[in-house]
């Protein structure tokens, strides 16, 4: 299994995304291409997953609906834990990703992180850093495929 750890803001939308749109169809199509070529699945790291703390599945539903509305064709298999809610101080998104990886009975063959932030701790070599100004570009897809070994 290959995994894409996915942030939304700055990856699937950007500063020029129309305000009436949650996600940018162009960026979602690039994500679709990445998933189709690599055979990877998605684990959500976006703060959108934290829509409600009472029901973590509600956050997945919000994310999945936003993806579906913009033509997403991939598979979302889960979300990273919200360690700050669990009282863990100084949370880096990389630590939440590591917690998800540690909880898996079978480790992924490879993984990549798509994010516009660099708070990945020791997982920084797996980061493809996008920007809020431009979102997910072809060059990022190419970098992600290289990291995934596709």
C-alpha atoms as a PDB file:
ATOM      1  CA  UNK A   1       0.000   0.000   0.000  1.00  0.00           C
ATOM      2  CA  UNK A   2       1.157   3.505  -0.865  1.00  0.00           C
ATOM      3  CA  UNK A   3      -0.241   6.448   1.105  1.00  0.00           C
ATOM      4  CA  UNK A   4      -0.668  10.153   0.422  1.00  0.00           C
ATOM      5  CA  UNK A   5      -1.034  12.158   3.635  1.00  0.00           C
ATOM      6  CA  UNK A   6      -3.215  15.037   2.473  1.00  0.00           C
ATOM      7  CA  UNK A   7      -3.695  18.590   3.651  1.00  0.00           C
ATOM      8  CA  UNK A   8      -6.355  20.697   1.900  1.00  0.00           C
ATOM      9  CA  UNK A   9      -5.579  24.387   2.397  1.00  0.00           C
ATOM     10  CA  UNK A  10      -2.622  25.359   0.228  1.00  0.00           C
ATOM     11  CA  UNK A  11      -2.713  21.987  -1.561  1.00  0.00           C
ATOM     12  CA  UNK A  12      -6.218  21.545  -2.984  1.00  0.00           C
ATOM     13  CA  UNK A  13      -7.085  25.235  -2.818  1.00  0.00           C
ATOM     14  CA  UNK A  14      -5.079  28.446  -2.863  1.00  0.00           C
ATOM     15  CA  UNK A  15      -5.393  32.190  -2.573  1.00  0.00           C
ATOM     16  CA  UNK A  16      -6.907  32.412  -6.077  1.00  0.00           C
ATOM     17  CA  UNK A  17      -9.504  29.645  -5.600  1.00  0.00           C
ATOM     18  CA  UNK A  18     -12.942  31.245  -6.063  1.00  0.00           C
ATOM     19  CA  UNK A  19     -14.568  31.965  -2.702  1.00  0.00           C
ATOM     20  CA  UNK A  20     -17.668  29.946  -3.599  1.00  0.00           C
ATOM     21  CA  UNK A  21     -15.478  26.845  -4.005  1.00  0.00           C
ATOM     22  CA  UNK A  22     -14.047  24.843  -1.140  1.00  0.00           C
ATOM     23  CA  UNK A  23     -11.484  23.053  -3.279  1.00  0.00           C
ATOM     24  CA  UNK A  24     -10.058  23.738  -6.720  1.00  0.00           C
ATOM     25  CA  UNK A  25     -11.045  21.199  -9.396  1.00  0.00           C
ATOM     26  CA  UNK A  26      -7.709  21.654 -11.180  1.00  0.00           C
ATOM     27  CA  UNK A  27      -5.766  20.684  -8.048  1.00  0.00           C
ATOM     28  CA  UNK A  28      -8.094  17.768  -7.293  1.00  0.00           C
ATOM     29  CA  UNK A  29      -7.539  16.511 -10.840  1.00  0.00           C
ATOM     30  CA  UNK A  30      -3.767  16.624 -10.233  1.00  0.00           C
ATOM     31  CA  UNK A  31      -4.313  14.622  -7.039  1.00  0.00           C
ATOM     32  CA  UNK A  32      -6.408  12.119  -9.024  1.00  0.00           C
ATOM     33  CA  UNK A  33      -3.540  11.713 -11.489  1.00  0.00           C
ATOM     34  CA  UNK A  34      -1.060  11.161  -8.657  1.00  0.00           C
ATOM     35  CA  UNK A  35      -3.292   8.495  -7.100  1.00  0.00           C
ATOM     36  CA  UNK A  36      -4.020   6.766 -10.401  1.00  0.00           C
ATOM     37  CA  UNK A  37      -0.370   6.579 -11.474  1.00  0.00           C
ATOM     38  CA  UNK A  38       0.928   5.506  -8.053  1.00  0.00           C
ATOM     39  CA  UNK A  39      -1.970   3.347  -6.880  1.00  0.00           C
ATOM     40  CA  UNK A  40      -1.880   5.251  -3.574  1.00  0.00           C
ATOM     41  CA  UNK A  41      -4.717   5.878  -1.137  1.00  0.00           C
ATOM     42  CA  UNK A  42      -5.344   8.979   0.976  1.00  0.00           C
ATOM     43  CA  UNK A  43      -5.086   9.599   4.702  1.00  0.00           C
ATOM     44  CA  UNK A  44      -6.417  13.003   5.740  1.00  0.00           C
ATOM     45  CA  UNK A  45      -4.143  15.302   7.738  1.00  0.00           C
ATOM     46  CA  UNK A  46      -6.028  18.507   6.978  1.00  0.00           C
ATOM     47  CA  UNK A  47      -7.493  20.491   9.858  1.00  0.00           C
ATOM     48  CA  UNK A  48     -10.808  20.105   8.008  1.00  0.00           C
ATOM     49  CA  UNK A  49     -10.916  16.640   9.611  1.00  0.00           C
ATOM     50  CA  UNK A  50     -11.408  18.387  12.969  1.00  0.00           C
ATOM     51  CA  UNK A  51     -14.779  19.854  12.021  1.00  0.00           C
ATOM     52  CA  UNK A  52     -16.253  18.340  15.145  1.00  0.00           C
ATOM     53  CA  UNK A  53     -14.411  16.728  18.019  1.00  0.00           C
ATOM     54  CA  UNK A  54     -17.501  14.885  19.198  1.00  0.00           C
ATOM     55  CA  UNK A  55     -17.600  12.655  16.146  1.00  0.00           C
ATOM     56  CA  UNK A  56     -14.380  12.128  14.178  1.00  0.00           C
ATOM     57  CA  UNK A  57     -16.345  10.495  11.371  1.00  0.00           C
ATOM     58  CA  UNK A  58     -18.172  13.789  10.802  1.00  0.00           C
ATOM     59  CA  UNK A  59     -14.847  15.381   9.853  1.00  0.00           C
ATOM     60  CA  UNK A  60     -14.171  12.608   7.350  1.00  0.00           C
ATOM     61  CA  UNK A  61     -17.643  13.135   5.886  1.00  0.00           C
ATOM     62  CA  UNK A  62     -17.062  16.892   5.493  1.00  0.00           C
ATOM     63  CA  UNK A  63     -13.743  16.226   3.763  1.00  0.00           C
ATOM     64  CA  UNK A  64     -15.094  13.475   1.557  1.00  0.00           C
ATOM     65  CA  UNK A  65     -18.061  15.631   0.485  1.00  0.00           C
ATOM     66  CA  UNK A  66     -15.730  18.504  -0.466  1.00  0.00           C
ATOM     67  CA  UNK A  67     -13.559  16.086  -2.445  1.00  0.00           C
ATOM     68  CA  UNK A  68     -16.517  14.439  -4.175  1.00  0.00           C
ATOM     69  CA  UNK A  69     -17.957  17.827  -5.179  1.00  0.00           C
ATOM     70  CA  UNK A  70     -14.762  18.544  -7.121  1.00  0.00           C
ATOM     71  CA  UNK A  71     -14.404  15.244  -8.963  1.00  0.00           C
ATOM     72  CA  UNK A  72     -12.181  13.227  -6.610  1.00  0.00           C
ATOM     73  CA  UNK A  73     -11.820   9.623  -7.770  1.00  0.00           C
ATOM     74  CA  UNK A  74      -9.460   8.245  -5.127  1.00  0.00           C
ATOM     75  CA  UNK A  75      -9.949   6.361  -1.890  1.00  0.00           C
ATOM     76  CA  UNK A  76      -9.801   7.944   1.559  1.00  0.00           C
ATOM     77  CA  UNK A  77      -8.883   5.238   4.067  1.00  0.00           C
ATOM     78  CA  UNK A  78      -8.608   7.277   7.245  1.00  0.00           C
ATOM     79  CA  UNK A  79      -7.363  10.315   9.094  1.00  0.00           C
ATOM     80  CA  UNK A  80      -4.486  11.066  11.401  1.00  0.00           C
ATOM     81  CA  UNK A  81      -5.198  11.353  15.124  1.00  0.00           C
ATOM     82  CA  UNK A  82      -5.589  14.780  16.706  1.00  0.00           C
ATOM     83  CA  UNK A  83      -2.822  14.550  19.297  1.00  0.00           C
ATOM     84  CA  UNK A  84      -3.342  18.067  20.680  1.00  0.00           C
ATOM     85  CA  UNK A  85      -6.812  16.982  21.762  1.00  0.00           C
ATOM     86  CA  UNK A  86      -5.184  14.064  23.562  1.00  0.00           C
ATOM     87  CA  UNK A  87      -3.041  16.471  25.589  1.00  0.00           C
ATOM     88  CA  UNK A  88       0.228  15.960  23.738  1.00  0.00           C
ATOM     89  CA  UNK A  89       2.091  19.307  23.775  1.00  0.00           C
ATOM     90  CA  UNK A  90       3.950  20.913  20.851  1.00  0.00           C
ATOM     91  CA  UNK A  91       2.203  18.993  18.145  1.00  0.00           C
ATOM     92  CA  UNK A  92       3.737  18.821  14.721  1.00  0.00           C
ATOM     93  CA  UNK A  93       1.663  17.354  11.930  1.00  0.00           C
ATOM     94  CA  UNK A  94       4.551  14.950  11.358  1.00  0.00           C
ATOM     95  CA  UNK A  95       3.995  13.483  14.828  1.00  0.00           C
ATOM     96  CA  UNK A  96       0.331  12.878  14.017  1.00  0.00           C
ATOM     97  CA  UNK A  97       1.379  11.160  10.797  1.00  0.00           C
ATOM     98  CA  UNK A  98       3.881   9.053  12.737  1.00  0.00           C
ATOM     99  CA  UNK A  99       1.168   8.100  15.226  1.00  0.00           C
ATOM    100  CA  UNK A 100      -1.014   6.927  12.346  1.00  0.00           C
ATOM    101  CA  UNK A 101       1.882   4.942  10.855  1.00  0.00           C
ATOM    102  CA  UNK A 102       2.692   3.369  14.242  1.00  0.00           C
ATOM    103  CA  UNK A 103      -0.934   2.241  14.653  1.00  0.00           C
ATOM    104  CA  UNK A 104      -0.966   0.299  11.377  1.00  0.00           C
ATOM    105  CA  UNK A 105      -0.596  -3.485  11.593  1.00  0.00           C
ATOM    106  CA  UNK A 106       1.076  -3.431   8.177  1.00  0.00           C
ATOM    107  CA  UNK A 107       3.364  -0.535   7.295  1.00  0.00           C
ATOM    108  CA  UNK A 108       2.830   1.212   3.947  1.00  0.00           C
ATOM    109  CA  UNK A 109       5.184   0.328   1.128  1.00  0.00           C
ATOM    110  CA  UNK A 110       5.822   4.066   0.743  1.00  0.00           C
ATOM    111  CA  UNK A 111       4.199   7.371   1.604  1.00  0.00           C
ATOM    112  CA  UNK A 112       4.323  11.054   0.770  1.00  0.00           C
ATOM    113  CA  UNK A 113       3.017  14.140   2.561  1.00  0.00           C
ATOM    114  CA  UNK A 114       1.322  16.924   0.578  1.00  0.00           C
ATOM    115  CA  UNK A 115       1.212  20.086   2.692  1.00  0.00           C
ATOM    116  CA  UNK A 116       1.927  23.811   2.580  1.00  0.00           C
ATOM    117  CA  UNK A 117       3.435  23.733   6.086  1.00  0.00           C
ATOM    118  CA  UNK A 118       6.769  22.253   7.142  1.00  0.00           C
ATOM    119  CA  UNK A 119       5.833  21.009  10.627  1.00  0.00           C
ATOM    120  CA  UNK A 120       6.724  17.410   9.775  1.00  0.00           C
ATOM    121  CA  UNK A 121       9.406  16.795  12.418  1.00  0.00           C
ATOM    122  CA  UNK A 122      11.539  13.803  11.343  1.00  0.00           C
ATOM    123  CA  UNK A 123       9.275  13.090   8.328  1.00  0.00           C
ATOM    124  CA  UNK A 124      10.396  16.184   6.389  1.00  0.00           C
ATOM    125  CA  UNK A 125      12.115  14.029   3.697  1.00  0.00           C
ATOM    126  CA  UNK A 126       8.648  12.741   2.727  1.00  0.00           C
ATOM    127  CA  UNK A 127       7.155  16.239   2.359  1.00  0.00           C
ATOM    128  CA  UNK A 128       6.212  17.770  -0.961  1.00  0.00           C
ATOM    129  CA  UNK A 129       5.696  21.382   0.038  1.00  0.00           C
ATOM    130  CA  UNK A 130       3.091  23.370  -1.819  1.00  0.00           C
ATOM    131  CA  UNK A 131       2.136  27.011  -1.213  1.00  0.00           C
ATOM    132  CA  UNK A 132      -1.077  28.832  -0.451  1.00  0.00           C
ATOM    133  CA  UNK A 133      -0.238  31.078  -3.397  1.00  0.00           C
ATOM    134  CA  UNK A 134      -0.169  28.274  -6.002  1.00  0.00           C
ATOM    135  CA  UNK A 135      -1.616  25.023  -4.579  1.00  0.00           C
ATOM    136  CA  UNK A 136      -0.802  21.600  -6.054  1.00  0.00           C
ATOM    137  CA  UNK A 137       1.169  21.946  -9.290  1.00  0.00           C
ATOM    138  CA  UNK A 138       2.495  19.434 -11.827  1.00  0.00           C
ATOM    139  CA  UNK A 139       5.993  19.711 -10.338  1.00  0.00           C
ATOM    140  CA  UNK A 140       4.597  18.631  -6.954  1.00  0.00           C
ATOM    141  CA  UNK A 141       2.904  15.608  -8.517  1.00  0.00           C
ATOM    142  CA  UNK A 142       6.229  14.626 -10.102  1.00  0.00           C
ATOM    143  CA  UNK A 143       8.046  14.995  -6.752  1.00  0.00           C
ATOM    144  CA  UNK A 144       5.357  12.960  -4.987  1.00  0.00           C
ATOM    145  CA  UNK A 145       5.589  10.170  -7.555  1.00  0.00           C
ATOM    146  CA  UNK A 146       9.363  10.046  -7.071  1.00  0.00           C
ATOM    147  CA  UNK A 147       8.984   9.755  -3.283  1.00  0.00           C
ATOM    148  CA  UNK A 148       6.346   7.046  -3.705  1.00  0.00           C
ATOM    149  CA  UNK A 149       8.637   5.171  -6.081  1.00  0.00           C
ATOM    150  CA  UNK A 150       6.148   5.339  -8.959  1.00  0.00           C
END
